[in-house]
Amino acid sequence: MSNTAHHDEMPILDLDLSNTKPFEASRFLDSPETIAAFLAEAMKANDAQVLMHAMGEVAKARGVNQFAQDAGVNRESLYKTLKGGDKTRFATVQKLMLALGVELTVRPLDKHLA
C-alpha cells in the first residue's frame, strides 16, 4: 500500500479566518533594497492599480506625510494619486518613484515572455 495520498482523498479543512488580518506589506518595507524589490514585483503585474497599491504600502512604511513632502505634493493629493490607477500620469509616477529613492528601468523581456 502506498503512503502517497491523492488530492481526492485529502481532507478539506474548515478554517475560520474571520479573525485574521490582511497582510500589510508596509511592516516589512524597511530598506531601499526591499522597497525596490517590492515595487519591481508590483510592476510585473502590468496593472496600474497593483503598482499604486504597492506605492501606498511603501507610503505607509515611510510615513505618508514624509513621502508626500519628499514627492512635493500634499497628503490629500498623494492619496488621490495612489487611488488613481490607470488615470495616474507617468510624470506623477516618476515623481513618486524618485521620492522613494528608486528608478524605473528598462530591460529586454525574456524570449519566452515576448
C-alpha atoms as a PDB file:
ATOM      1  CA  MET A   1       0.000   0.000   0.000  1.00  0.00           C
ATOM      2  CA  SER A   2       1.326   3.436  -0.953  1.00  0.00           C
ATOM      3  CA  ASN A   3       1.744   6.254   1.582  1.00  0.00           C
ATOM      4  CA  THR A   4       1.064   8.867  -1.092  1.00  0.00           C
ATOM      5  CA  ALA A   5      -2.375  10.464  -0.761  1.00  0.00           C
ATOM      6  CA  HIS A   6      -4.284  11.555  -3.822  1.00  0.00           C
ATOM      7  CA  HIS A   7      -5.858  15.000  -3.840  1.00  0.00           C
ATOM      8  CA  ASP A   8      -9.317  13.394  -3.887  1.00  0.00           C
ATOM      9  CA  GLU A   9      -8.557  11.660  -0.604  1.00  0.00           C
ATOM     10  CA  MET A  10      -7.189  14.723   1.211  1.00  0.00           C
ATOM     11  CA  PRO A  11      -9.442  16.268   3.855  1.00  0.00           C
ATOM     12  CA  ILE A  12     -10.891  19.717   3.282  1.00  0.00           C
ATOM     13  CA  LEU A  13     -10.033  21.996   6.159  1.00  0.00           C
ATOM     14  CA  ASP A  14     -12.820  24.127   7.528  1.00  0.00           C
ATOM     15  CA  LEU A  15     -10.865  27.147   8.705  1.00  0.00           C
ATOM     16  CA  ASP A  16     -12.364  30.150  10.426  1.00  0.00           C
ATOM     17  CA  LEU A  17     -10.446  33.118   9.022  1.00  0.00           C
ATOM     18  CA  SER A  18     -12.797  35.779  10.366  1.00  0.00           C
ATOM     19  CA  ASN A  19     -10.287  36.947  12.979  1.00  0.00           C
ATOM     20  CA  THR A  20      -7.339  37.186  10.600  1.00  0.00           C
ATOM     21  CA  LYS A  21      -5.990  40.473   9.352  1.00  0.00           C
ATOM     22  CA  PRO A  22      -4.948  41.279   5.795  1.00  0.00           C
ATOM     23  CA  PHE A  23      -1.234  41.156   5.125  1.00  0.00           C
ATOM     24  CA  GLU A  24       0.325  44.591   5.389  1.00  0.00           C
ATOM     25  CA  ALA A  25       3.495  44.717   3.355  1.00  0.00           C
ATOM     26  CA  SER A  26       4.340  48.104   4.845  1.00  0.00           C
ATOM     27  CA  ARG A  27       5.517  46.389   8.028  1.00  0.00           C
ATOM     28  CA  PHE A  28       8.334  44.710   6.090  1.00  0.00           C
ATOM     29  CA  LEU A  29       9.444  47.505   3.771  1.00  0.00           C
ATOM     30  CA  ASP A  30      12.356  48.630   5.875  1.00  0.00           C
ATOM     31  CA  SER A  31      15.192  49.188   3.399  1.00  0.00           C
ATOM     32  CA  PRO A  32      15.658  50.733  -0.045  1.00  0.00           C
ATOM     33  CA  GLU A  33      16.503  47.290  -1.441  1.00  0.00           C
ATOM     34  CA  THR A  34      13.308  45.747  -0.074  1.00  0.00           C
ATOM     35  CA  ILE A  35      11.225  48.662  -1.341  1.00  0.00           C
ATOM     36  CA  ALA A  36      12.808  48.400  -4.799  1.00  0.00           C
ATOM     37  CA  ALA A  37      12.206  44.632  -4.954  1.00  0.00           C
ATOM     38  CA  PHE A  38       8.597  45.059  -3.788  1.00  0.00           C
ATOM     39  CA  LEU A  39       7.847  47.717  -6.414  1.00  0.00           C
ATOM     40  CA  ALA A  40       9.615  45.678  -9.123  1.00  0.00           C
ATOM     41  CA  GLU A  41       7.332  42.741  -8.362  1.00  0.00           C
ATOM     42  CA  ALA A  42       4.299  45.022  -8.478  1.00  0.00           C
ATOM     43  CA  MET A  43       5.428  46.306 -11.886  1.00  0.00           C
ATOM     44  CA  LYS A  44       5.477  42.748 -13.228  1.00  0.00           C
ATOM     45  CA  ALA A  45       1.696  42.616 -12.903  1.00  0.00           C
ATOM     46  CA  ASN A  46       1.373  45.203 -15.718  1.00  0.00           C
ATOM     47  CA  ASP A  47      -1.539  46.683 -13.791  1.00  0.00           C
ATOM     48  CA  ALA A  48      -1.543  50.318 -12.706  1.00  0.00           C
ATOM     49  CA  GLN A  49      -3.825  49.572  -9.746  1.00  0.00           C
ATOM     50  CA  VAL A  50      -1.372  46.978  -8.416  1.00  0.00           C
ATOM     51  CA  LEU A  51       1.500  49.447  -8.712  1.00  0.00           C
ATOM     52  CA  MET A  52      -0.464  52.219  -6.999  1.00  0.00           C
ATOM     53  CA  HIS A  53      -1.428  49.824  -4.184  1.00  0.00           C
ATOM     54  CA  ALA A  54       2.215  48.846  -3.767  1.00  0.00           C
ATOM     55  CA  MET A  55       3.232  52.507  -3.649  1.00  0.00           C
ATOM     56  CA  GLY A  56       0.564  53.036  -0.998  1.00  0.00           C
ATOM     57  CA  GLU A  57       2.152  50.299   1.097  1.00  0.00           C
ATOM     58  CA  VAL A  58       5.532  51.964   0.681  1.00  0.00           C
ATOM     59  CA  ALA A  59       3.990  55.308   1.649  1.00  0.00           C
ATOM     60  CA  LYS A  60       2.696  53.734   4.869  1.00  0.00           C
ATOM     61  CA  ALA A  61       6.120  52.258   5.566  1.00  0.00           C
ATOM     62  CA  ARG A  62       7.895  55.572   5.008  1.00  0.00           C
ATOM     63  CA  GLY A  63       5.200  57.680   6.626  1.00  0.00           C
ATOM     64  CA  VAL A  64       2.593  59.260   4.399  1.00  0.00           C
ATOM     65  CA  ASN A  65       3.407  62.820   5.448  1.00  0.00           C
ATOM     66  CA  GLN A  66       7.124  62.362   4.799  1.00  0.00           C
ATOM     67  CA  PHE A  67       6.500  60.654   1.465  1.00  0.00           C
ATOM     68  CA  ALA A  68       4.154  63.435   0.343  1.00  0.00           C
ATOM     69  CA  GLN A  69       6.710  66.049   1.372  1.00  0.00           C
ATOM     70  CA  ASP A  70       9.532  64.224  -0.437  1.00  0.00           C
ATOM     71  CA  ALA A  71       7.372  63.994  -3.575  1.00  0.00           C
ATOM     72  CA  GLY A  72       6.427  67.670  -3.390  1.00  0.00           C
ATOM     73  CA  VAL A  73       2.692  67.043  -3.056  1.00  0.00           C
ATOM     74  CA  ASN A  74       0.227  67.490  -0.233  1.00  0.00           C
ATOM     75  CA  ARG A  75      -1.129  64.495   1.634  1.00  0.00           C
ATOM     76  CA  GLU A  76      -4.612  64.706   0.075  1.00  0.00           C
ATOM     77  CA  SER A  77      -3.147  64.859  -3.411  1.00  0.00           C
ATOM     78  CA  LEU A  78      -0.964  61.841  -2.637  1.00  0.00           C
ATOM     79  CA  TYR A  79      -3.988  59.812  -1.529  1.00  0.00           C
ATOM     80  CA  LYS A  80      -5.859  60.744  -4.719  1.00  0.00           C
ATOM     81  CA  THR A  81      -2.849  59.777  -6.814  1.00  0.00           C
ATOM     82  CA  LEU A  82      -2.474  56.402  -5.099  1.00  0.00           C
ATOM     83  CA  LYS A  83      -6.153  55.651  -5.781  1.00  0.00           C
ATOM     84  CA  GLY A  84      -5.908  56.809  -9.406  1.00  0.00           C
ATOM     85  CA  GLY A  85      -4.522  53.694 -11.058  1.00  0.00           C
ATOM     86  CA  ASP A  86      -4.896  53.939 -14.844  1.00  0.00           C
ATOM     87  CA  LYS A  87      -5.609  57.673 -14.646  1.00  0.00           C
ATOM     88  CA  THR A  88      -2.294  58.498 -12.993  1.00  0.00           C
ATOM     89  CA  ARG A  89       0.129  60.359 -15.241  1.00  0.00           C
ATOM     90  CA  PHE A  90       3.551  58.898 -15.907  1.00  0.00           C
ATOM     91  CA  ALA A  91       5.206  62.116 -14.688  1.00  0.00           C
ATOM     92  CA  THR A  92       3.467  61.658 -11.341  1.00  0.00           C
ATOM     93  CA  VAL A  93       4.579  58.032 -11.037  1.00  0.00           C
ATOM     94  CA  GLN A  94       8.123  59.106 -11.880  1.00  0.00           C
ATOM     95  CA  LYS A  95       7.996  61.847  -9.224  1.00  0.00           C
ATOM     96  CA  LEU A  96       6.793  59.343  -6.615  1.00  0.00           C
ATOM     97  CA  MET A  97       9.487  56.839  -7.566  1.00  0.00           C
ATOM     98  CA  LEU A  98      12.178  59.487  -7.238  1.00  0.00           C
ATOM     99  CA  ALA A  99      10.799  60.474  -3.825  1.00  0.00           C
ATOM    100  CA  LEU A 100      11.174  56.837  -2.793  1.00  0.00           C
ATOM    101  CA  GLY A 101      14.765  56.767  -3.997  1.00  0.00           C
ATOM    102  CA  VAL A 102      14.118  54.217  -6.743  1.00  0.00           C
ATOM    103  CA  GLU A 103      14.096  54.482 -10.527  1.00  0.00           C
ATOM    104  CA  LEU A 104      12.233  52.847 -13.340  1.00  0.00           C
ATOM    105  CA  THR A 105      14.495  50.848 -15.608  1.00  0.00           C
ATOM    106  CA  VAL A 106      14.093  49.125 -18.944  1.00  0.00           C
ATOM    107  CA  ARG A 107      15.367  45.688 -19.881  1.00  0.00           C
ATOM    108  CA  PRO A 108      14.522  43.232 -22.634  1.00  0.00           C
ATOM    109  CA  LEU A 109      11.823  40.673 -21.902  1.00  0.00           C
ATOM    110  CA  ASP A 110      12.779  37.038 -21.618  1.00  0.00           C
ATOM    111  CA  LYS A 111      12.291  35.395 -25.017  1.00  0.00           C
ATOM    112  CA  HIS A 112       9.568  33.079 -23.737  1.00  0.00           C
ATOM    113  CA  LEU A 113       7.552  36.085 -22.494  1.00  0.00           C
ATOM    114  CA  ALA A 114       7.753  38.169 -25.667  1.00  0.00           C
END
